[in-house]
Protein backbone atom coordinates (compact mmCIF):
# COMPACT_ATOMS: atom_id res chain seq x y z
CA MET A 1 -3.46 -2.79 57.75
CA ALA A 2 -0.48 -3.19 55.48
CA ASP A 3 -0.17 -1.33 52.22
CA HIS A 4 -0.53 -4.27 49.82
CA PRO A 5 -2.27 -3.05 46.72
CA ARG A 6 -4.46 -5.62 45.14
CA MET A 7 -4.78 -6.05 41.39
CA THR A 8 -8.17 -6.23 39.84
CA PRO A 9 -8.83 -9.12 37.42
CA GLY A 10 -8.56 -6.71 34.50
CA GLU A 11 -5.16 -5.48 35.69
CA LYS A 12 -4.01 -9.09 36.16
CA ALA A 13 -5.02 -9.93 32.59
CA GLY A 14 -3.26 -6.84 31.22
CA PHE A 15 -0.10 -7.65 33.18
CA SER A 16 -0.20 -11.27 31.98
CA LEU A 17 -0.55 -10.15 28.37
CA LYS A 18 2.40 -7.76 28.74
CA LEU A 19 4.47 -10.52 30.33
CA ILE A 20 3.60 -13.02 27.59
CA GLY A 21 4.29 -10.40 24.90
CA GLY A 22 7.68 -9.70 26.45
CA ILE A 23 8.57 -13.37 26.57
CA ILE A 24 7.54 -13.84 22.93
CA ALA A 25 9.61 -10.78 21.95
CA VAL A 26 12.68 -12.20 23.72
CA ILE A 27 12.20 -15.58 22.03
CA LEU A 28 11.90 -13.88 18.62
CA VAL A 29 15.04 -11.82 19.21
CA ILE A 30 16.99 -14.94 20.21
CA ALA A 31 15.68 -16.77 17.13
CA LEU A 32 16.71 -13.84 14.89
CA ILE A 33 20.18 -13.84 16.44
CA PHE A 34 20.57 -17.55 15.67
CA VAL A 35 19.31 -17.07 12.10
CA GLY A 36 21.72 -14.16 11.66
CA ILE A 37 24.63 -16.25 12.94
CA TYR A 38 23.70 -19.06 10.55
CA VAL A 39 23.44 -16.72 7.54
CA LEU A 40 26.73 -15.07 8.48
CA SER A 41 28.48 -18.42 8.79
CA VAL A 42 27.24 -19.50 5.35
CA ALA A 43 28.30 -16.18 3.83
CA LEU A 44 31.73 -16.30 5.46
CA SER A 45 32.34 -19.86 4.32
CA GLY A 46 31.70 -18.70 0.74
CA VAL A 47 33.95 -15.69 1.21
CA GLY A 48 36.57 -17.91 2.82
CA GLY A 49 36.70 -20.07 -0.29
CA PHE A 50 37.03 -16.99 -2.47
CA ALA A 51 39.70 -15.51 -0.20
CA GLY A 52 41.64 -18.77 -0.24
CA ASP A 53 41.60 -18.85 -4.03
CA PHE A 54 42.59 -15.17 -4.19
CA PHE A 55 45.58 -15.65 -1.88
CA GLU A 56 46.66 -18.74 -3.81
CA HIS A 57 46.56 -16.62 -6.98
CA ILE A 58 48.70 -13.95 -5.28
CA ARG A 59 51.20 -16.63 -4.22
CA ARG A 60 51.44 -17.83 -7.83
CA LEU A 61 51.95 -14.25 -8.99
CA PHE A 62 54.87 -13.82 -6.59
CA ARG A 63 56.38 -17.07 -7.84
CA ASP A 64 55.98 -16.05 -11.50
CA ALA A 65 57.08 -12.43 -10.93
CA THR A 66 60.55 -13.53 -9.83
CA HIS A 67 61.20 -14.06 -13.55
CA ALA A 68 59.54 -10.73 -14.39
CA PHE A 69 61.41 -9.71 -17.50
CA ARG A 70 62.45 -13.12 -18.82
CA THR A 71 58.98 -14.33 -19.88
CA GLY A 72 55.67 -12.76 -20.79
CA ARG A 73 53.98 -14.62 -17.96
CA GLY A 74 56.47 -13.25 -15.42
CA PHE A 75 56.03 -9.70 -16.69
CA GLY A 76 52.23 -10.06 -16.54
CA ALA A 77 52.48 -11.31 -12.95
CA PHE A 78 54.70 -8.35 -12.08
CA ILE A 79 52.18 -5.88 -13.55
CA GLN A 80 49.30 -7.59 -11.72
CA LEU A 81 51.14 -7.35 -8.41
CA ILE A 82 51.77 -3.64 -8.96
CA LEU A 83 48.09 -3.05 -9.78
CA ILE A 84 46.93 -5.07 -6.74
CA ALA A 85 49.27 -3.07 -4.49
CA ALA A 86 47.96 0.21 -5.93
CA VAL A 87 44.31 -0.78 -5.44
CA LEU A 88 44.94 -2.03 -1.90
CA GLY A 89 46.81 1.16 -1.02
CA TRP A 90 43.97 3.27 -2.40
CA ALA A 91 41.38 1.22 -0.45
CA ILE A 92 43.34 1.43 2.81
CA LYS A 93 43.74 5.18 2.39
CA ARG A 94 39.99 5.60 1.85
CA ILE A 95 39.20 3.48 4.90
CA MET A 96 41.64 5.44 7.06
CA ASN A 97 40.18 8.77 5.85
CA TYR A 98 36.65 7.49 6.60
CA ILE A 99 37.67 6.41 10.10
CA GLY A 100 39.48 9.72 10.65
CA ARG A 101 36.33 11.72 9.89
CA LYS A 102 34.35 10.09 12.70
């Protein structure tokens, strides 16, 4: 006789329930991944609009700052560019220190 273990009806039902539960879990994970991708795409499209406006503002500041000390608007643009550079430098330094600790 060959060693072919037979499953009892109770074992078959338990195995089927585990198999169905696993399939449902995989389907739910795939659905959550798609929902996450959708939410991320909506969030990034909003951020993309903000980033586009921000970079357009920076471009205008560079254009206005070329006349830095001739007009009040040029001087204001110059000061804003200095402050933006300081904040970005501070943020990059913090990020690099955080990465360096790990």
